[in-house]
């Protein structure tokens, strides 16, 4: 089922595990864009796991690439003529995201009771996240294009980074890939993606 970037409503793909063969032990869900569309156009892509239609979610996650692409795309400013709605900094528009963790009703439905009690004892309550949300939405907010992790009254920035790449190998194959991760996964060489960076090279149809 193809998903469109200009549909009238949210769209979904459902995987019914009861219909899968018994020997199935892994389900992979991937997202990709085609043509001129980018993840900034698509927006956030959410994956929710439930025990049946109408049941409370047992797990929920948002694909980071979609969220980061939308946030960075809205915040960036390239050139002297930013397009309204595409690059917001030239119009006084800020775009940030928050990754909150608090003992909400939705979280209580997914976790065991003792976990909820432990979270609240540690101050992980919605009231300790609300001030961060309010500041990000306030006219006095001074940051843009950032993702803040907030819980129990503390904040930190979550950001994309990448390790030093392995050397180019035009003959790379599925057989030779297993030898590469040792270096590719070495986080001691990691560095953050630059603000703007490759996003500024994306054709915008201008």
Protein backbone atom coordinates (compact mmCIF):
# COMPACT_ATOMS: atom_id res chain seq x y z
CA UNK A 1 0.00 0.00 0.00
CA UNK A 2 1.69 3.24 -1.11
CA UNK A 3 1.38 6.25 1.17
CA UNK A 4 0.95 9.73 -0.27
CA UNK A 5 2.26 13.04 1.04
CA UNK A 6 -0.81 15.00 -0.02
CA UNK A 7 -3.64 12.76 1.17
CA UNK A 8 -6.70 14.28 2.92
CA UNK A 9 -6.19 12.29 6.14
CA UNK A 10 -3.65 10.25 8.04
CA UNK A 11 -2.86 6.91 6.47
CA UNK A 12 -1.90 3.61 8.01
CA UNK A 13 -0.49 0.21 7.19
CA UNK A 14 -1.65 -2.63 9.45
CA UNK A 15 0.18 -5.91 9.97
CA UNK A 16 -2.11 -8.61 11.42
CA UNK A 17 0.25 -11.02 13.18
CA UNK A 18 -2.44 -13.71 13.41
CA UNK A 19 -2.44 -13.98 9.62
CA UNK A 20 1.29 -14.61 9.37
CA UNK A 21 2.67 -18.14 8.96
CA UNK A 22 3.65 -19.83 12.23
CA UNK A 23 7.29 -20.01 11.17
CA UNK A 24 7.50 -16.19 10.95
CA UNK A 25 9.84 -14.91 13.67
CA UNK A 26 10.55 -11.36 12.49
CA UNK A 27 8.50 -8.52 11.01
CA UNK A 28 10.35 -5.60 9.44
CA UNK A 29 8.56 -2.29 8.82
CA UNK A 30 10.45 0.25 6.72
CA UNK A 31 9.70 3.67 5.33
CA UNK A 32 11.14 5.27 2.21
CA UNK A 33 10.39 8.24 -0.01
CA UNK A 34 10.25 8.32 -3.78
CA UNK A 35 10.55 11.06 -6.38
CA UNK A 36 10.92 14.61 -5.07
CA UNK A 37 9.19 13.95 -1.73
CA UNK A 38 11.33 14.02 1.42
CA UNK A 39 10.62 13.06 5.01
CA UNK A 40 10.09 16.75 5.70
CA UNK A 41 7.03 16.51 3.43
CA UNK A 42 5.82 13.26 4.96
CA UNK A 43 6.10 14.34 8.58
CA UNK A 44 6.17 12.10 11.61
CA UNK A 45 5.68 8.37 11.04
CA UNK A 46 4.35 6.53 14.09
CA UNK A 47 4.43 2.78 14.74
CA UNK A 48 1.95 1.41 17.29
CA UNK A 49 1.70 -2.18 18.51
CA UNK A 50 -1.54 -3.45 20.07
CA UNK A 51 -2.98 -6.83 21.04
CA UNK A 52 -5.94 -6.33 18.73
CA UNK A 53 -8.15 -3.74 17.07
CA UNK A 54 -9.33 -1.23 19.64
CA UNK A 55 -6.95 -2.48 22.34
CA UNK A 56 -4.67 -0.17 24.30
CA UNK A 57 -1.21 0.23 22.71
CA UNK A 58 1.49 -2.00 24.15
CA UNK A 59 4.26 -0.07 22.41
CA UNK A 60 4.49 3.13 20.41
CA UNK A 61 7.39 4.78 18.63
CA UNK A 62 7.98 7.53 16.09
CA UNK A 63 10.54 7.08 13.34
CA UNK A 64 13.32 9.53 14.15
CA UNK A 65 14.21 10.30 10.55
CA UNK A 66 10.73 11.59 9.85
CA UNK A 67 10.56 13.69 13.00
CA UNK A 68 14.08 15.06 12.62
CA UNK A 69 13.59 15.82 8.94
CA UNK A 70 10.38 17.74 9.57
CA UNK A 71 11.84 19.70 12.48
CA UNK A 72 15.11 20.58 10.75
CA UNK A 73 13.34 21.33 7.47
CA UNK A 74 10.97 23.81 9.10
CA UNK A 75 13.72 25.48 11.10
CA UNK A 76 16.41 25.93 8.50
CA UNK A 77 17.09 29.12 6.56
CA UNK A 78 19.04 28.93 3.30
CA UNK A 79 19.64 31.87 1.05
CA UNK A 80 18.08 35.33 1.17
CA UNK A 81 14.57 34.31 0.05
CA UNK A 82 13.26 31.59 2.37
CA UNK A 83 10.03 30.02 1.23
CA UNK A 84 7.12 30.44 3.67
CA UNK A 85 6.24 27.17 5.37
CA UNK A 86 9.44 25.46 4.23
CA UNK A 87 12.21 27.35 6.00
CA UNK A 88 10.94 29.21 9.00
CA UNK A 89 13.89 31.08 10.46
CA UNK A 90 13.61 33.88 7.91
CA UNK A 91 10.05 34.54 9.10
CA UNK A 92 10.61 34.39 12.85
CA UNK A 93 9.27 30.82 12.97
CA UNK A 94 10.92 28.31 15.29
CA UNK A 95 10.50 24.54 15.05
CA UNK A 96 11.53 22.28 17.91
CA UNK A 97 10.52 18.87 19.21
CA UNK A 98 10.36 17.34 22.66
CA UNK A 99 10.95 13.75 23.79
CA UNK A 100 9.11 13.67 27.13
CA UNK A 101 9.03 10.88 29.67
CA UNK A 102 6.40 11.12 32.39
CA UNK A 103 3.96 8.86 34.16
CA UNK A 104 0.90 9.63 32.07
CA UNK A 105 -2.36 7.70 31.84
CA UNK A 106 -1.23 6.28 28.49
CA UNK A 107 2.03 5.05 29.99
CA UNK A 108 0.25 3.54 32.98
CA UNK A 109 -1.85 1.45 30.58
CA UNK A 110 1.33 -0.12 29.15
CA UNK A 111 3.49 -0.59 32.26
CA UNK A 112 3.13 -2.65 35.42
CA UNK A 113 1.78 -0.77 38.47
CA UNK A 114 5.06 -0.87 40.39
CA UNK A 115 6.81 0.91 37.49
CA UNK A 116 4.30 3.76 37.68
CA UNK A 117 4.85 4.08 41.42
CA UNK A 118 8.61 4.17 40.92
CA UNK A 119 8.34 6.81 38.20
CA UNK A 120 6.20 9.11 40.34
CA UNK A 121 8.49 8.68 43.33
CA UNK A 122 11.34 9.87 41.09
CA UNK A 123 9.39 12.96 40.06
CA UNK A 124 8.61 11.73 36.55
CA UNK A 125 5.23 13.44 36.35
CA UNK A 126 3.65 15.45 33.50
CA UNK A 127 3.81 18.63 35.59
CA UNK A 128 7.61 18.45 35.44
CA UNK A 129 7.57 18.37 31.63
CA UNK A 130 4.89 21.01 31.00
CA UNK A 131 7.16 24.04 31.62
CA UNK A 132 9.55 22.87 28.88
CA UNK A 133 6.67 22.49 26.43
CA UNK A 134 5.31 25.92 27.37
CA UNK A 135 8.71 27.57 26.86
CA UNK A 136 9.22 25.96 23.46
CA UNK A 137 5.83 27.34 22.38
CA UNK A 138 6.48 30.80 23.85
CA UNK A 139 7.50 33.82 21.80
CA UNK A 140 10.59 34.20 24.00
CA UNK A 141 11.96 30.77 23.01
CA UNK A 142 15.50 31.29 21.71
CA UNK A 143 16.26 27.93 20.06
CA UNK A 144 15.12 26.29 16.85
CA UNK A 145 15.67 22.97 15.11
CA UNK A 146 16.36 21.17 18.39
CA UNK A 147 15.08 18.03 20.08
CA UNK A 148 14.92 18.28 23.88
CA UNK A 149 14.67 15.25 26.14
CA UNK A 150 12.67 16.20 29.22
CA UNK A 151 11.80 14.23 32.34
CA UNK A 152 11.46 14.92 36.08
CA UNK A 153 12.43 18.56 35.61
CA UNK A 154 15.66 17.82 33.74
CA UNK A 155 16.50 18.56 30.11
CA UNK A 156 19.10 17.44 27.61
CA UNK A 157 19.49 17.75 23.86
CA UNK A 158 19.11 14.65 21.73
CA UNK A 159 20.83 14.97 18.38
CA UNK A 160 21.75 12.92 15.34
CA UNK A 161 25.34 11.86 15.01
CA UNK A 162 27.37 9.51 12.86
CA UNK A 163 30.61 7.61 13.22
CA UNK A 164 33.59 7.76 10.88
CA UNK A 165 32.65 5.97 7.69
CA UNK A 166 34.44 2.91 6.46
CA UNK A 167 36.48 3.25 3.29
CA UNK A 168 34.67 3.22 -0.07
CA UNK A 169 34.30 -0.27 -1.50
CA UNK A 170 32.68 -0.52 -4.94
CA UNK A 171 32.75 -4.31 -4.59
CA UNK A 172 30.82 -4.33 -1.29
CA UNK A 173 28.50 -7.31 -1.08
CA UNK A 174 26.30 -8.98 1.49
CA UNK A 175 29.15 -11.39 2.18
CA UNK A 176 31.68 -8.63 2.99
CA UNK A 177 29.36 -6.38 5.03
CA UNK A 178 29.83 -8.34 8.31
CA UNK A 179 33.50 -7.30 8.42
CA UNK A 180 32.63 -3.58 8.43
CA UNK A 181 30.54 -2.97 11.60
CA UNK A 182 33.53 -3.07 13.98
CA UNK A 183 34.64 0.32 12.67
CA UNK A 184 31.27 1.62 11.54
CA UNK A 185 29.81 1.13 15.04
CA UNK A 186 32.72 2.76 16.89
CA UNK A 187 30.91 5.64 18.62
CA UNK A 188 34.13 7.11 19.96
CA UNK A 189 34.58 8.67 16.52
CA UNK A 190 31.05 10.07 16.38
CA UNK A 191 30.27 13.66 15.43
CA UNK A 192 26.90 15.44 15.16
CA UNK A 193 25.25 16.15 11.85
CA UNK A 194 25.71 19.84 11.03
CA UNK A 195 22.67 22.09 11.21
CA UNK A 196 21.34 22.43 7.69
CA UNK A 197 24.07 20.40 6.00
CA UNK A 198 22.77 17.96 3.44
CA UNK A 199 19.22 19.19 3.93
CA UNK A 200 20.21 22.37 2.11
CA UNK A 201 21.09 20.33 -0.97
CA UNK A 202 17.60 18.89 -1.37
CA UNK A 203 15.81 20.23 -4.43
CA UNK A 204 12.78 22.23 -3.36
CA UNK A 205 11.11 22.64 -6.73
CA UNK A 206 12.10 26.29 -7.00
